[in-house]
N, C-alpha and C. Protein backbone atom coordinates (compact mmCIF):
# COMPACT_ATOMS: atom_id res chain seq x y z
N MET A 1 0.95 -0.90 -0.07
CA MET A 1 0.41 0.20 -0.26
C MET A 1 0.33 0.90 0.36
N GLN A 2 0.64 2.24 -0.77
CA GLN A 2 1.26 3.86 -0.98
C GLN A 2 0.83 4.42 -0.33
N THR A 3 1.70 5.50 0.06
CA THR A 3 0.71 6.57 1.32
C THR A 3 0.76 7.64 0.24
N LYS A 4 -0.19 9.02 -0.03
CA LYS A 4 0.22 9.90 -0.70
C LYS A 4 0.66 11.00 0.24
N ILE A 5 1.45 11.87 -0.39
CA ILE A 5 1.67 12.92 0.55
C ILE A 5 1.18 13.98 0.24
N GLY A 6 0.77 14.50 1.40
CA GLY A 6 -0.28 15.75 1.29
C GLY A 6 -0.06 17.23 2.42
N VAL A 7 -0.84 18.18 1.91
CA VAL A 7 -0.07 19.23 2.68
C VAL A 7 -1.34 18.99 3.94
N PRO A 8 -1.49 19.00 5.32
CA PRO A 8 -2.41 19.37 6.44
C PRO A 8 -3.38 20.62 5.98
N LEU A 9 -4.41 20.40 6.50
CA LEU A 9 -5.20 21.41 6.35
C LEU A 9 -5.06 22.31 7.78
N ARG A 10 -4.76 23.70 7.34
CA ARG A 10 -5.05 24.69 8.86
C ARG A 10 -5.49 25.79 8.03
N GLU A 11 -5.53 26.95 8.84
CA GLU A 11 -6.18 28.14 8.43
C GLU A 11 -5.56 28.83 7.70
N SER A 12 -5.57 29.05 6.59
CA SER A 12 -5.28 30.11 5.05
C SER A 12 -4.18 31.57 6.05
N ASP A 13 -3.04 31.05 5.46
CA ASP A 13 -1.79 32.39 5.62
C ASP A 13 -2.55 33.53 5.16
N LYS A 14 -3.26 33.27 3.67
CA LYS A 14 -3.79 35.09 3.56
C LYS A 14 -4.88 35.34 4.45
N LEU A 15 -5.75 34.36 4.98
CA LEU A 15 -6.59 34.65 5.55
C LEU A 15 -6.56 35.12 7.28
N LYS A 16 -5.22 34.57 7.69
CA LYS A 16 -4.87 35.62 8.85
C LYS A 16 -4.20 36.75 8.37
N LEU A 17 -3.53 36.37 7.39
CA LEU A 17 -2.76 37.74 7.02
C LEU A 17 -4.05 39.30 6.92
N ILE A 18 -5.11 38.97 6.55
CA ILE A 18 -5.86 40.03 6.18
C ILE A 18 -6.34 40.28 7.87
N ARG A 19 -6.90 39.15 8.52
CA ARG A 19 -7.14 39.50 9.59
C ARG A 19 -6.30 40.36 10.49
N GLU A 20 -4.51 40.17 10.21
CA GLU A 20 -3.84 41.11 10.73
C GLU A 20 -3.90 42.36 10.21
N ILE A 21 -3.86 42.34 9.15
CA ILE A 21 -4.26 43.99 8.79
C ILE A 21 -5.10 44.76 8.83
N ASN A 22 -6.52 44.14 8.68
CA ASN A 22 -7.76 44.61 9.31
C ASN A 22 -7.64 45.37 10.82
N GLY A 23 -7.46 44.62 11.44
CA GLY A 23 -7.25 44.79 12.97
C GLY A 23 -6.27 45.73 13.52
N ASN A 24 -5.43 46.38 12.49
CA ASN A 24 -4.48 47.90 12.62
C ASN A 24 -4.79 48.44 11.71
N GLU A 25 -4.21 49.91 12.09
CA GLU A 25 -3.96 50.74 10.96
C GLU A 25 -2.73 50.08 10.74
N THR A 26 -2.14 49.80 8.99
CA THR A 26 -1.28 49.54 8.92
C THR A 26 -0.73 50.37 7.71
N SER A 27 0.91 50.93 7.27
CA SER A 27 1.26 51.38 6.64
C SER A 27 2.07 50.26 5.58
N LYS A 28 2.14 51.40 4.38
CA LYS A 28 2.31 49.91 3.29
C LYS A 28 3.75 49.33 3.09
N ILE A 29 4.53 50.18 4.26
CA ILE A 29 5.83 49.04 4.25
C ILE A 29 5.31 48.11 5.06
N GLN A 30 4.21 48.39 6.12
CA GLN A 30 4.28 46.97 6.84
C GLN A 30 3.40 45.98 6.70
N ILE A 31 2.87 46.33 5.41
CA ILE A 31 2.29 45.45 4.59
C ILE A 31 2.93 44.58 3.92
N GLU A 32 3.89 45.12 2.83
CA GLU A 32 4.93 44.67 2.17
C GLU A 32 5.85 43.63 3.58
N ASP A 33 5.89 44.50 4.54
CA ASP A 33 6.90 43.30 5.49
C ASP A 33 6.13 41.88 5.62
N LEU A 34 4.50 42.22 6.34
CA LEU A 34 3.86 41.31 6.50
C LEU A 34 3.52 40.23 5.69
N ILE A 35 3.45 40.21 3.64
CA ILE A 35 3.54 39.63 3.20
C ILE A 35 4.64 38.99 2.91
N LYS A 36 5.36 39.74 2.44
CA LYS A 36 7.33 38.97 2.40
C LYS A 36 7.39 37.57 4.02
N SER A 37 6.82 37.87 5.14
CA SER A 37 7.07 37.54 6.38
C SER A 37 6.14 35.77 6.05
N HIS A 38 5.03 36.14 5.25
CA HIS A 38 3.95 34.55 4.95
C HIS A 38 4.20 34.37 3.43
N ASN A 39 5.95 34.73 2.74
CA ASN A 39 5.55 33.78 1.99
C ASN A 39 5.78 32.41 1.98
N LYS A 40 5.31 31.22 0.76
CA LYS A 40 5.59 30.15 0.58
C LYS A 40 6.82 29.47 0.65
N LYS A 41 7.13 28.62 0.67
CA LYS A 41 8.44 27.92 0.84
C LYS A 41 8.27 26.83 -0.15
N LYS A 42 9.63 26.43 -0.92
CA LYS A 42 9.40 25.62 -2.11
C LYS A 42 9.84 24.28 -1.39
N THR A 43 9.41 22.99 -1.39
CA THR A 43 9.96 22.11 -0.80
C THR A 43 9.49 20.96 -1.82
N THR A 44 10.10 19.65 -2.05
CA THR A 44 10.50 18.96 -2.89
C THR A 44 10.57 17.49 -2.12
N ILE A 45 9.20 16.14 -2.32
CA ILE A 45 9.51 15.03 -1.43
C ILE A 45 9.82 14.53 -1.93
N ILE A 46 11.11 13.49 -2.02
CA ILE A 46 11.22 12.30 -2.59
C ILE A 46 10.58 10.65 -1.82
N ARG A 47 10.04 10.30 -2.66
CA ARG A 47 9.83 8.92 -2.81
C ARG A 47 10.61 8.01 -3.80
N MET A 48 11.26 7.19 -3.04
CA MET A 48 11.76 6.04 -3.91
C MET A 48 11.66 4.36 -3.76
N ASN A 49 10.73 3.80 -4.39
CA ASN A 49 10.20 2.47 -3.87
C ASN A 49 11.35 1.23 -4.88
N LEU A 50 11.05 0.30 -4.19
CA LEU A 50 12.15 -0.88 -4.50
C LEU A 50 10.83 -2.00 -4.83
N TYR A 51 10.53 -2.50 -6.12
CA TYR A 51 9.38 -2.93 -6.04
C TYR A 51 10.10 -4.83 -6.66
N GLU A 52 9.10 -5.90 -6.62
CA GLU A 52 9.63 -6.89 -7.02
C GLU A 52 8.36 -7.66 -7.04
N ASN A 53 8.26 -8.34 -8.55
CA ASN A 53 7.15 -8.62 -9.10
C ASN A 53 6.33 -7.83 -8.71
N GLY A 54 6.02 -6.48 -9.08
CA GLY A 54 5.34 -5.72 -9.11
C GLY A 54 4.60 -4.85 -8.19
N ASN A 55 4.82 -5.34 -7.27
CA ASN A 55 4.87 -5.28 -5.65
C ASN A 55 5.91 -4.27 -4.90
N PRO A 56 5.46 -3.08 -3.97
CA PRO A 56 6.90 -2.44 -3.60
C PRO A 56 6.58 -2.86 -2.27
N ILE A 57 8.56 -3.23 -1.90
CA ILE A 57 9.13 -4.27 -1.07
C ILE A 57 9.39 -3.32 0.05
N ARG A 58 10.17 -2.14 -0.67
CA ARG A 58 11.08 -0.94 0.19
C ARG A 58 10.65 0.40 -0.23
N LEU A 59 10.90 1.27 0.92
CA LEU A 59 10.70 2.64 0.93
C LEU A 59 11.63 3.84 1.25
N VAL A 60 12.63 4.73 -0.08
CA VAL A 60 13.41 5.46 0.93
C VAL A 60 12.36 6.72 0.58
N THR A 61 12.41 8.13 1.68
CA THR A 61 11.88 8.91 1.43
C THR A 61 12.63 10.48 1.72
N PHE A 62 12.71 11.50 0.99
CA PHE A 62 13.73 12.10 1.39
C PHE A 62 12.51 13.53 1.36
N GLN A 63 13.17 14.68 1.73
CA GLN A 63 12.77 15.81 2.10
C GLN A 63 13.71 17.21 1.32
N GLU A 64 13.80 17.87 0.31
CA GLU A 64 14.63 18.66 0.09
C GLU A 64 14.10 20.55 0.04
N PRO A 65 15.03 21.28 0.26
CA PRO A 65 14.35 22.71 0.14
C PRO A 65 14.58 23.16 -1.12
N GLY A 66 13.36 23.58 -1.50
CA GLY A 66 13.51 24.15 -2.92
C GLY A 66 13.06 23.27 -4.04
N TRP A 67 12.60 23.50 -5.35
CA TRP A 67 12.59 22.22 -5.97
C TRP A 67 13.69 22.23 -7.25
N THR A 68 13.58 21.15 -7.71
CA THR A 68 14.85 20.39 -8.65
C THR A 68 14.66 21.37 -10.05
N LYS A 69 15.97 22.06 -10.54
CA LYS A 69 15.59 22.89 -11.59
C LYS A 69 16.18 22.01 -13.08
N TYR A 70 14.47 21.68 -13.68
CA TYR A 70 14.77 21.09 -15.02
C TYR A 70 15.88 21.50 -15.99
N GLN A 71 16.20 22.93 -16.07
CA GLN A 71 16.94 22.56 -16.57
C GLN A 71 18.76 22.10 -16.32
N SER A 72 18.56 21.69 -15.16
CA SER A 72 19.90 21.04 -14.54
C SER A 72 19.94 19.44 -15.50
N PHE A 73 19.37 19.24 -15.98
CA PHE A 73 19.08 17.81 -16.59
C PHE A 73 20.04 18.48 -17.99
N ASN A 74 20.35 19.17 -18.78
CA ASN A 74 21.21 19.11 -19.78
C ASN A 74 20.79 18.29 -21.11
N LEU A 75 19.50 18.12 -20.93
CA LEU A 75 18.37 17.44 -21.96
C LEU A 75 19.10 18.06 -23.39
N SER A 76 18.82 17.28 -24.68
CA SER A 76 19.18 17.92 -25.49
C SER A 76 16.97 17.27 -26.24
N ILE A 77 16.54 18.31 -26.60
CA ILE A 77 15.42 18.65 -26.66
C ILE A 77 14.76 18.54 -28.14
N ASN A 78 14.11 17.52 -28.84
CA ASN A 78 13.55 17.57 -29.66
C ASN A 78 12.98 18.91 -30.26
N GLN A 79 13.23 19.96 -31.78
CA GLN A 79 13.18 20.89 -31.97
C GLN A 79 11.52 21.45 -31.79
N ASN A 80 10.91 20.09 -32.35
CA ASN A 80 9.15 20.34 -32.07
C ASN A 80 8.65 20.65 -31.09
N LYS A 81 9.85 19.94 -29.63
CA LYS A 81 8.92 19.93 -28.71
C LYS A 81 9.66 20.83 -27.58
N THR A 82 10.78 21.92 -28.05
CA THR A 82 11.43 22.58 -27.09
C THR A 82 10.24 23.63 -26.71
N LYS A 83 9.51 24.48 -27.18
CA LYS A 83 7.80 24.97 -26.53
C LYS A 83 7.55 24.31 -25.45
N LEU A 84 6.95 23.20 -26.16
CA LEU A 84 6.64 22.10 -24.50
C LEU A 84 7.40 22.22 -23.51
N TRP A 85 8.66 22.22 -24.01
CA TRP A 85 9.66 21.92 -22.54
C TRP A 85 10.35 23.17 -22.17
N ASN A 86 10.10 24.25 -22.49
CA ASN A 86 9.85 25.25 -21.97
C ASN A 86 8.95 26.13 -21.20
N ASP A 87 7.64 25.45 -21.56
CA ASP A 87 6.69 25.89 -20.78
C ASP A 87 6.51 24.85 -19.38
N ILE A 88 7.00 23.61 -19.54
CA ILE A 88 6.87 23.11 -18.63
C ILE A 88 8.19 22.84 -17.45
N VAL A 89 9.34 23.57 -18.24
CA VAL A 89 10.09 24.03 -17.20
C VAL A 89 9.85 25.69 -16.43
N ARG A 90 9.23 26.33 -17.26
CA ARG A 90 8.46 27.62 -16.40
C ARG A 90 7.46 27.38 -15.23
N THR A 91 6.76 26.39 -15.86
CA THR A 91 5.69 26.33 -14.29
C THR A 91 5.95 24.55 -13.58
N GLN A 92 7.17 24.45 -13.85
CA GLN A 92 8.04 23.09 -13.04
C GLN A 92 6.57 22.25 -13.29
N GLY A 93 6.65 21.77 -14.46
CA GLY A 93 5.15 20.77 -14.64
C GLY A 93 5.57 19.31 -14.39
N LYS A 94 4.70 18.29 -14.83
CA LYS A 94 4.78 17.36 -14.61
C LYS A 94 5.77 16.49 -16.07
N ILE A 95 6.35 15.29 -15.45
CA ILE A 95 7.52 14.66 -16.75
C ILE A 95 7.77 13.64 -15.63
N LYS A 96 7.83 12.74 -16.77
CA LYS A 96 8.01 11.28 -16.30
C LYS A 96 9.65 11.37 -16.97
N PHE A 97 10.81 10.25 -16.57
CA PHE A 97 11.91 9.38 -17.38
C PHE A 97 11.71 8.34 -17.09
N THR A 98 12.02 7.73 -18.18
CA THR A 98 12.43 6.02 -17.82
C THR A 98 14.02 5.59 -18.13
N VAL A 99 14.50 5.07 -17.52
CA VAL A 99 16.06 4.42 -17.39
C VAL A 99 16.13 3.93 -17.31
N ASN A 100 17.03 3.15 -18.14
CA ASN A 100 17.57 1.13 -17.90
C ASN A 100 19.24 1.14 -17.32
N LYS A 101 19.08 0.46 -16.95
CA LYS A 101 20.19 0.60 -16.10
C LYS A 101 20.84 -1.14 -15.78
N ASP A 102 22.25 -1.66 -15.75
CA ASP A 102 23.20 -2.48 -16.11
C ASP A 102 23.12 -3.50 -14.61
N LYS A 103 22.85 -1.85 -13.35
CA LYS A 103 22.65 -2.06 -11.67
C LYS A 103 21.41 -3.37 -11.68
N ASP A 104 22.03 -4.48 -10.91
CA ASP A 104 20.34 -4.89 -9.96
C ASP A 104 20.03 -3.74 -9.64
N PRO A 105 18.56 -4.16 -9.47
CA PRO A 105 17.81 -2.74 -8.17
C PRO A 105 18.14 -3.52 -7.17
N ASN A 106 18.13 -3.93 -6.50
CA ASN A 106 18.50 -3.95 -5.04
C ASN A 106 20.16 -3.06 -4.90
N GLU A 107 20.97 -3.40 -5.96
CA GLU A 107 22.45 -2.77 -5.60
C GLU A 107 22.15 -1.36 -5.58
N PHE A 108 21.07 -0.82 -6.56
CA PHE A 108 20.49 0.40 -7.04
C PHE A 108 19.78 0.92 -6.29
N PHE A 109 19.06 0.56 -5.09
CA PHE A 109 18.82 1.38 -4.52
C PHE A 109 18.88 1.33 -2.90
N GLU A 110 19.88 0.22 -3.20
CA GLU A 110 21.15 0.22 -1.86
C GLU A 110 21.63 1.54 -1.23
N GLN A 111 22.31 2.23 -2.86
CA GLN A 111 23.57 2.88 -2.61
C GLN A 111 22.51 4.37 -2.67
N PHE A 112 21.32 4.71 -2.49
CA PHE A 112 20.69 5.51 -2.07
C PHE A 112 20.09 5.81 -0.33
N LEU A 113 20.01 4.35 0.30
CA LEU A 113 19.81 4.66 1.62
C LEU A 113 20.83 5.32 2.85
N GLU A 114 21.70 5.47 2.46
CA GLU A 114 22.31 6.65 3.23
C GLU A 114 23.13 7.40 2.92
N PHE A 115 21.82 8.23 1.93
CA PHE A 115 22.27 9.39 1.05
C PHE A 115 22.41 10.62 2.06
N ASN A 116 23.41 11.62 1.63
CA ASN A 116 23.87 12.78 2.48
C ASN A 116 24.30 13.84 1.49
N GLU A 117 24.16 13.43 0.60
CA GLU A 117 24.66 14.97 -0.22
C GLU A 117 23.44 16.09 -0.32
N ASP A 118 23.47 16.86 -0.79
CA ASP A 118 22.66 18.39 -0.96
C ASP A 118 21.31 17.85 -1.92
N SER A 119 21.75 17.59 -2.79
CA SER A 119 20.71 16.97 -3.92
C SER A 119 20.26 15.61 -4.39
N PHE A 120 19.61 15.16 -4.13
CA PHE A 120 19.45 13.33 -4.20
C PHE A 120 19.09 13.67 -5.57
N ILE A 121 18.14 14.46 -5.97
CA ILE A 121 18.44 14.32 -7.78
C ILE A 121 19.59 14.18 -8.37
N LYS A 122 19.84 15.72 -8.42
CA LYS A 122 21.37 15.58 -8.81
C LYS A 122 22.34 14.56 -9.10
N HIS A 123 22.09 13.83 -7.93
CA HIS A 123 22.93 12.40 -7.51
C HIS A 123 22.44 11.58 -8.68
N LEU A 124 21.02 11.10 -8.41
CA LEU A 124 20.31 10.15 -9.20
C LEU A 124 20.29 10.58 -10.92
N PHE A 125 20.93 11.99 -11.23
CA PHE A 125 21.11 12.03 -12.81
C PHE A 125 22.61 11.75 -13.04
N ARG A 126 23.49 11.82 -11.74
CA ARG A 126 24.85 11.70 -12.04
C ARG A 126 25.27 10.36 -12.18
N GLU A 127 24.12 9.21 -11.93
CA GLU A 127 24.25 7.81 -11.87
C GLU A 127 23.97 7.23 -13.21
N PHE A 128 22.76 8.02 -13.90
CA PHE A 128 22.16 7.51 -14.96
C PHE A 128 23.30 8.33 -16.31
N LYS A 129 23.78 9.69 -15.76
CA LYS A 129 24.94 9.36 -16.69
C LYS A 129 25.89 8.64 -17.06
N LYS A 130 26.46 7.70 -16.02
CA LYS A 130 27.01 6.41 -16.10
C LYS A 130 26.81 5.56 -17.11
N PRO A 131 27.93 5.06 -17.89
CA PRO A 131 27.47 4.54 -19.59
C PRO A 131 27.08 3.23 -18.40
N VAL A 132 26.21 2.66 -19.63
CA VAL A 132 25.53 0.95 -19.29
C VAL A 132 26.70 0.09 -19.82
N GLU A 133 27.83 -1.05 -18.70
CA GLU A 133 28.77 -1.67 -19.57
C GLU A 133 28.32 -2.92 -19.15
N GLY A 134 27.50 -3.53 -18.85
CA GLY A 134 26.79 -4.41 -18.67
C GLY A 134 25.24 -5.54 -19.69
N GLN A 135 24.46 -6.09 -19.04
CA GLN A 135 23.36 -6.24 -19.54
C GLN A 135 22.39 -6.05 -18.83
N ILE A 136 21.13 -4.94 -19.22
CA ILE A 136 20.22 -4.18 -18.49
C ILE A 136 19.80 -4.78 -17.42
N LYS A 137 19.46 -4.66 -16.20
CA LYS A 137 18.33 -5.35 -15.54
C LYS A 137 17.83 -4.71 -14.70
N THR A 138 17.98 -3.17 -15.01
CA THR A 138 16.81 -2.52 -13.67
C THR A 138 15.87 -1.21 -15.16
N GLN A 139 14.83 -1.04 -14.53
CA GLN A 139 13.76 0.05 -14.59
C GLN A 139 13.74 0.91 -13.86
N ILE A 140 13.75 2.47 -13.87
CA ILE A 140 13.60 3.00 -13.48
C ILE A 140 12.90 4.37 -14.07
N ASP A 141 11.70 4.69 -13.29
CA ASP A 141 10.45 5.34 -13.84
C ASP A 141 10.65 6.36 -12.42
N ILE A 142 11.07 7.93 -13.11
CA ILE A 142 10.30 8.87 -12.19
C ILE A 142 9.99 9.98 -12.52
N ASP A 143 8.64 9.95 -11.55
CA ASP A 143 7.73 10.70 -12.13
C ASP A 143 7.71 12.37 -11.16
N PHE A 144 7.64 13.28 -11.73
CA PHE A 144 7.92 14.18 -11.38
C PHE A 144 6.51 14.92 -11.24
N GLU A 145 5.49 15.00 -10.06
CA GLU A 145 4.53 15.58 -10.43
C GLU A 145 4.32 17.08 -10.15
N GLU A 146 3.12 18.08 -10.50
CA GLU A 146 2.90 19.15 -10.46
C GLU A 146 3.10 19.39 -8.73
N PRO A 147 3.72 20.48 -8.59
CA PRO A 147 3.63 21.36 -7.55
C PRO A 147 2.15 21.35 -6.66
N ILE A 148 2.15 21.11 -5.15
CA ILE A 148 0.65 20.79 -4.61
C ILE A 148 0.77 22.34 -3.70
N GLU A 149 -0.09 23.42 -4.08
CA GLU A 149 0.24 24.41 -2.95
C GLU A 149 -0.61 24.00 -1.99
N GLY A 150 -0.13 24.19 -0.83
CA GLY A 150 -0.50 23.50 0.57
C GLY A 150 -0.59 24.83 1.67
N SER A 151 -1.12 25.19 2.38
CA SER A 151 -1.50 26.69 3.30
C SER A 151 -0.19 27.25 3.42
N TRP A 152 1.02 26.08 4.06
CA TRP A 152 2.24 26.72 4.88
C TRP A 152 3.50 26.32 3.37
N ASP A 153 3.18 25.72 2.97
CA ASP A 153 4.66 25.71 1.34
C ASP A 153 4.03 24.95 0.12
N LEU A 154 4.97 24.94 -0.88
CA LEU A 154 4.61 24.84 -1.96
C LEU A 154 5.55 23.54 -2.33
N VAL A 155 4.77 22.50 -2.54
CA VAL A 155 5.23 20.87 -2.41
C VAL A 155 5.24 20.76 -3.77
N GLN A 156 6.27 19.54 -4.26
CA GLN A 156 6.64 19.27 -4.97
C GLN A 156 6.89 17.69 -4.79
N GLU A 157 6.39 16.73 -5.26
CA GLU A 157 6.43 15.15 -5.23
C GLU A 157 7.52 14.67 -6.42
N ILE A 158 8.39 13.74 -6.03
CA ILE A 158 8.86 13.15 -7.39
C ILE A 158 9.26 11.74 -6.68
N VAL A 159 8.43 10.92 -7.47
CA VAL A 159 7.67 9.63 -7.35
C VAL A 159 9.17 8.57 -7.99
N ILE A 160 10.35 7.98 -7.39
CA ILE A 160 11.21 7.10 -8.01
C ILE A 160 10.67 5.55 -8.00
N LYS A 161 10.60 4.71 -8.62
CA LYS A 161 9.99 3.40 -9.03
C LYS A 161 11.41 2.21 -9.22
N VAL A 162 11.97 1.55 -8.84
CA VAL A 162 13.39 0.99 -9.03
C VAL A 162 12.36 -0.89 -9.41
N GLU A 163 12.66 -1.67 -10.73
CA GLU A 163 12.32 -2.70 -11.06
C GLU A 163 13.07 -3.54 -11.60
N ARG A 164 13.19 -4.85 -11.39
CA ARG A 164 13.96 -5.85 -12.27
C ARG A 164 13.13 -5.47 -13.56
N ILE A 165 13.93 -5.33 -14.56
CA ILE A 165 13.09 -5.62 -16.04
C ILE A 165 12.51 -6.97 -16.59
N SER A 166 11.51 -7.20 -17.00
CA SER A 166 11.15 -8.07 -17.84
C SER A 166 12.42 -8.40 -18.67
N ASP A 167 11.95 -10.51 -18.80
CA ASP A 167 12.79 -11.12 -19.52
C ASP A 167 13.25 -10.69 -21.18
N ASP A 168 11.53 -9.95 -21.12
CA ASP A 168 11.89 -9.86 -23.08
C ASP A 168 12.51 -9.08 -23.28
N ILE A 169 12.19 -7.70 -22.53
CA ILE A 169 13.76 -6.70 -22.13
C ILE A 169 15.14 -6.85 -22.52
N ILE A 170 15.65 -8.11 -21.24
CA ILE A 170 16.55 -8.40 -21.23
C ILE A 170 17.20 -8.79 -22.90
N GLN A 171 16.51 -9.78 -23.02
CA GLN A 171 16.45 -10.29 -24.46
C GLN A 171 17.07 -9.65 -25.64
N LEU A 172 15.75 -8.31 -25.49
CA LEU A 172 16.01 -7.30 -26.55
C LEU A 172 17.18 -6.35 -26.46
N ASP A 173 17.68 -6.10 -24.84
CA ASP A 173 18.81 -5.95 -24.94
C ASP A 173 19.72 -7.05 -25.36
N LYS A 174 20.18 -8.10 -25.15
CA LYS A 174 21.12 -8.68 -25.97
C LYS A 174 21.19 -8.76 -27.13
N LEU A 175 19.79 -8.52 -28.05
CA LEU A 175 20.28 -8.33 -29.44
C LEU A 175 20.67 -7.13 -29.67
N LEU A 176 20.08 -6.03 -28.40
CA LEU A 176 20.84 -4.43 -29.22
C LEU A 176 22.30 -4.05 -28.43
N LEU A 177 22.93 -5.23 -28.04
CA LEU A 177 24.31 -5.55 -27.78
C LEU A 177 24.58 -4.36 -26.56
N GLY A 178 23.48 -3.80 -25.91
CA GLY A 178 23.29 -3.32 -24.14
C GLY A 178 23.21 -1.76 -24.62
N LYS A 179 22.07 -1.56 -25.80
CA LYS A 179 22.01 -0.01 -25.87
C LYS A 179 21.95 0.92 -24.43
N ASN A 180 21.93 1.68 -24.10
CA ASN A 180 21.36 2.71 -23.70
C ASN A 180 20.31 3.38 -23.40
N MET A 181 19.27 2.62 -22.98
CA MET A 181 17.91 2.92 -23.41
C MET A 181 17.15 4.14 -22.74
N SER A 182 16.94 5.37 -23.04
CA SER A 182 16.18 6.21 -21.92
C SER A 182 15.55 7.37 -22.81
N LYS A 183 15.02 7.49 -21.79
CA LYS A 183 13.16 7.90 -22.34
C LYS A 183 12.76 9.10 -21.70
N LEU A 184 12.36 10.72 -21.92
CA LEU A 184 11.47 11.31 -21.44
C LEU A 184 10.10 11.59 -21.69
N PHE A 185 9.33 11.65 -21.09
CA PHE A 185 7.90 11.42 -21.41
C PHE A 185 7.12 13.24 -20.97
N LEU A 186 7.02 13.56 -22.03
CA LEU A 186 6.26 15.05 -21.99
C LEU A 186 5.00 14.95 -21.74
N LEU A 187 4.24 15.10 -20.25
CA LEU A 187 2.94 14.59 -20.33
C LEU A 187 2.06 16.30 -20.23
């Protein structure tokens, strides 16, 4: 069973701010200071699931300040998809990556259990850039969800699914002599 990360309900910060302003004679500078003090912070929640036979068996969760900058992926985008990609980057929209690697799913998952660097996603993408040296064994699906506006934060959830690939794909990989297959889906 998977748990959806949500934002707890509480009194709206805007409503609280309006009550505070209406209760006092407030100057323009005081209003600007109040608005700045109530700015919402951007947060990223990352859930990495290890699957076996279609069922989740392990989960690791990270929280990072800010959102991942899509430009940092350094992707080469097809010319006719450039406008769509720029819109997604601007709005921090929903995207999905699928990457096949030659590491065993458990080995791939284990390397992130004691992660202590600043950016999990940057580390993950560095791992993806390493060349595939053997037969592919693992499929990694990464879903960047659209941000959720909560009462105190703007939360973006990233869901990563790590699973052993099917025998059919392993056979295909043998035929293609280990080519690294990576795809980006613009949704």
